[in-house]
Structure formats: C-alpha cells, structure tokens
Protein backbone atom coordinates (compact mmCIF):
# COMPACT_ATOMS: atom_id res chain seq x y z
CA UNK A 1 -53.25 206.47 38.27
CA UNK A 2 -52.63 210.42 38.87
CA UNK A 3 -49.14 210.12 37.51
CA UNK A 4 -50.61 208.61 33.49
CA UNK A 5 -53.32 211.76 34.35
CA UNK A 6 -50.55 213.99 34.65
CA UNK A 7 -48.14 212.59 32.14
CA UNK A 8 -51.14 212.79 29.51
CA UNK A 9 -52.05 216.39 30.52
CA UNK A 10 -48.81 216.97 29.96
CA UNK A 11 -48.18 215.39 26.27
CA UNK A 12 -51.87 216.68 25.37
CA UNK A 13 -50.38 220.09 26.39
CA UNK A 14 -46.92 220.12 24.09
CA UNK A 15 -48.89 218.93 21.33
CA UNK A 16 -51.26 221.52 21.45
CA UNK A 17 -48.27 223.90 22.09
CA UNK A 18 -45.81 222.65 19.13
CA UNK A 19 -48.96 222.58 16.51
CA UNK A 20 -48.31 226.60 15.01
CA UNK A 21 -44.54 225.40 14.25
CA UNK A 22 -43.12 221.91 13.54
CA UNK A 23 -41.80 218.96 15.23
CA UNK A 24 -39.02 217.32 13.53
CA UNK A 25 -39.28 213.64 11.67
CA UNK A 26 -37.50 211.25 14.19
CA UNK A 27 -39.12 212.34 17.15
CA UNK A 28 -42.55 212.66 15.94
CA UNK A 29 -42.44 209.33 14.81
CA UNK A 30 -41.05 208.32 18.13
CA UNK A 31 -43.27 210.53 20.30
CA UNK A 32 -46.77 209.07 18.16
CA UNK A 33 -45.09 205.13 19.16
CA UNK A 34 -44.34 203.94 15.71
CA UNK A 35 -40.80 202.85 16.62
CA UNK A 36 -39.68 202.57 19.90
CA UNK A 37 -36.83 204.84 19.83
CA UNK A 38 -34.98 207.95 18.22
CA UNK A 39 -32.57 205.83 16.67
CA UNK A 40 -34.70 203.29 15.13
CA UNK A 41 -37.05 205.52 13.85
CA UNK A 42 -33.87 207.26 12.55
CA UNK A 43 -32.41 204.61 10.62
CA UNK A 44 -35.63 203.64 9.02
CA UNK A 45 -35.98 207.19 7.40
CA UNK A 46 -32.14 206.92 6.43
CA UNK A 47 -33.43 203.55 4.53
CA UNK A 48 -36.12 204.82 3.00
CA UNK A 49 -39.27 203.34 4.79
CA UNK A 50 -40.60 206.12 5.99
CA UNK A 51 -42.05 209.11 3.12
CA UNK A 52 -43.59 212.80 3.18
CA UNK A 53 -46.04 214.06 1.00
CA UNK A 54 -45.01 211.50 -1.38
CA UNK A 55 -41.33 212.29 -1.18
CA UNK A 56 -38.61 210.45 0.56
CA UNK A 57 -37.55 212.38 3.53
CA UNK A 58 -34.64 212.89 6.25
CA UNK A 59 -34.68 212.87 9.69
CA UNK A 60 -34.23 216.54 10.60
CA UNK A 61 -37.28 217.42 8.18
CA UNK A 62 -39.79 219.61 9.89
CA UNK A 63 -43.28 217.72 10.53
CA UNK A 64 -46.86 219.61 10.15
CA UNK A 65 -50.77 218.91 10.90
CA UNK A 66 -52.01 217.91 7.93
CA UNK A 67 -48.84 216.31 6.38
CA UNK A 68 -49.11 212.80 4.50
CA UNK A 69 -46.67 209.74 5.65
CA UNK A 70 -45.88 206.62 4.57
CA UNK A 71 -44.58 204.25 6.79
CA UNK A 72 -43.38 200.94 6.44
CA UNK A 73 -42.59 198.44 9.10
CA UNK A 74 -42.18 195.03 10.05
CA UNK A 75 -42.31 192.34 7.44
CA UNK A 76 -45.16 194.21 5.97
CA UNK A 77 -43.92 194.97 2.07
CA UNK A 78 -46.96 198.00 2.00
CA UNK A 79 -46.96 201.16 3.55
CA UNK A 80 -49.55 202.88 6.55
CA UNK A 81 -50.62 206.19 4.69
CA UNK A 82 -51.06 208.41 8.23
CA UNK A 83 -52.57 211.84 8.28
CA UNK A 84 -50.63 213.75 11.09
CA UNK A 85 -53.61 215.06 13.24
CA UNK A 86 -51.58 216.93 16.10
CA UNK A 87 -47.69 217.38 17.21
CA UNK A 88 -45.83 216.67 19.62
CA UNK A 89 -42.00 215.70 20.60
CA UNK A 90 -42.89 213.59 23.63
CA UNK A 91 -43.24 210.32 24.10
CA UNK A 92 -46.77 209.91 25.98
CA UNK A 93 -48.89 207.64 27.17
CA UNK A 94 -50.72 205.41 23.94
CA UNK A 95 -53.77 206.88 23.37
CA UNK A 96 -52.47 210.37 23.19
CA UNK A 97 -49.92 209.09 21.02
CA UNK A 98 -53.19 207.65 19.36
CA UNK A 99 -54.42 210.60 18.64
CA UNK A 100 -51.68 212.67 17.18
CA UNK A 101 -52.45 210.67 13.77
CA UNK A 102 -55.38 209.00 11.62
CA UNK A 103 -54.76 206.24 9.54
CA UNK A 104 -56.61 206.48 6.18
CA UNK A 105 -58.78 203.75 5.10
CA UNK A 106 -57.49 202.65 2.00
CA UNK A 107 -54.43 202.35 4.24
CA UNK A 108 -56.13 199.79 6.74
CA UNK A 109 -58.27 197.77 4.24
CA UNK A 110 -54.90 197.52 2.48
CA UNK A 111 -52.88 195.92 5.20
CA UNK A 112 -55.90 193.85 6.40
CA UNK A 113 -56.11 192.29 2.73
CA UNK A 114 -52.39 191.40 2.79
CA UNK A 115 -52.53 189.91 6.58
CA UNK A 116 -55.70 187.84 5.51
CA UNK A 117 -53.76 186.47 2.77
CA UNK A 118 -50.20 186.22 4.11
CA UNK A 119 -50.74 182.58 5.23
CA UNK A 120 -51.86 181.37 1.80
CA UNK A 121 -48.33 183.06 0.23
CA UNK A 122 -45.28 180.74 0.28
CA UNK A 123 -42.80 181.11 2.64
CA UNK A 124 -39.39 181.34 1.54
CA UNK A 125 -37.69 178.82 4.12
CA UNK A 126 -40.32 176.14 2.30
CA UNK A 127 -38.25 176.32 -0.58
CA UNK A 128 -35.40 174.48 0.96
CA UNK A 129 -35.66 170.49 0.78
CA UNK A 130 -31.70 170.23 2.73
CA UNK A 131 -29.92 172.04 4.81
CA UNK A 132 -26.41 172.58 4.41
CA UNK A 133 -24.21 169.35 3.08
CA UNK A 134 -22.49 167.56 5.38
CA UNK A 135 -18.79 166.42 4.95
CA UNK A 136 -19.81 163.31 2.97
CA UNK A 137 -22.15 165.42 0.63
CA UNK A 138 -19.43 167.79 0.49
CA UNK A 139 -16.79 164.63 -0.57
CA UNK A 140 -19.14 163.56 -3.36
CA UNK A 141 -19.67 166.70 -5.38
CA UNK A 142 -15.50 167.04 -4.62
CA UNK A 143 -15.14 163.89 -6.42
CA UNK A 144 -17.90 164.18 -9.09
CA UNK A 145 -16.68 167.30 -10.06
CA UNK A 146 -13.37 166.21 -10.47
CA UNK A 147 -14.34 163.39 -12.92
CA UNK A 148 -16.97 165.31 -14.75
CA UNK A 149 -13.82 167.84 -15.22
CA UNK A 150 -11.60 165.43 -16.58
CA UNK A 151 -14.66 164.35 -18.89
CA UNK A 152 -14.71 167.08 -20.35
CA UNK A 153 -11.23 167.91 -21.24
CA UNK A 154 -11.12 164.31 -22.66
CA UNK A 155 -14.10 165.58 -25.30
CA UNK A 156 -12.52 168.37 -26.10
CA UNK A 157 -9.45 166.36 -27.29
CA UNK A 158 -11.28 164.09 -29.56
C-alpha cells in the first residue's frame, strides 16, 4: 500500500508542477488513462478522434488547464467532452488520473442515452442472411451468368 501512496503523491506533485506550463496532448491522454499507451493515443489523434478547443490537433499540441477536449473512444460515435483540470506527464493510479479532468454534464447525458438505445439499434451483422456462397452456389451463379449473357446477346440481334 505504501508504494501505491507514494506513486499517488509523486503523480500529484508532478501535476502541480506542470500546471503553469503545458503537456503534450498524447502524454496527457496517456497519463489521464484514456489510452493504454502513448502510441495508441498518437494514432487516435492522427485519425482525428481527438479535438482540442473544437480544433483538430496533433500529438505534439500543448494542453493547458481549462482546455476543452472532445475524445472519441471505442465504437461509440459520440465524443466525450472533457475539461482539463490538471496536467501530468506521468501515468499514475486511476484515482489520480480522474482528478486531471472533468466530463461535462451534456456529454454524460448524451453517452448515457446512446448506451441505453444501443440494444435497439440494428446490428450490421444481422443484415447478412447467408454467408459466403458454397462451391455449388458459385457454379450455379456462373451457369446462370453464362446463360443470361447468351440470352441477352440473342435478343439484341433480333
């Protein structure tokens, strides 16, 4: 338990010292535990899944206290709206990471509504009635295409 408390204290001290300056966006997202690694955070930023103050950002962008982030994660089409409350370059325990940001009420409500409606939405996999055609199905398709082409050719001549 002491090592956990020491880690939490070090992370809190690092957050206090970083408040005046800024932290790279990919480091902050990793430290705040939005992504498991910095490289995954960088990929999400490159794909345009993270916006800072309603602008597309690069991984090297400096995040400051008070900035508003929009972060899309997983299969949810909605972005979480987050206000930065603290800065940290080190990844600490989850309770410390949760103190680095605050999610807006509108964002929480929108995601809760989407989560509640999700079971009633159509699943793309359910629209597939059959899988791949079998070998005999493919042969029938080829035979049908061969006959249909020849019938079309004869109707054009007459």
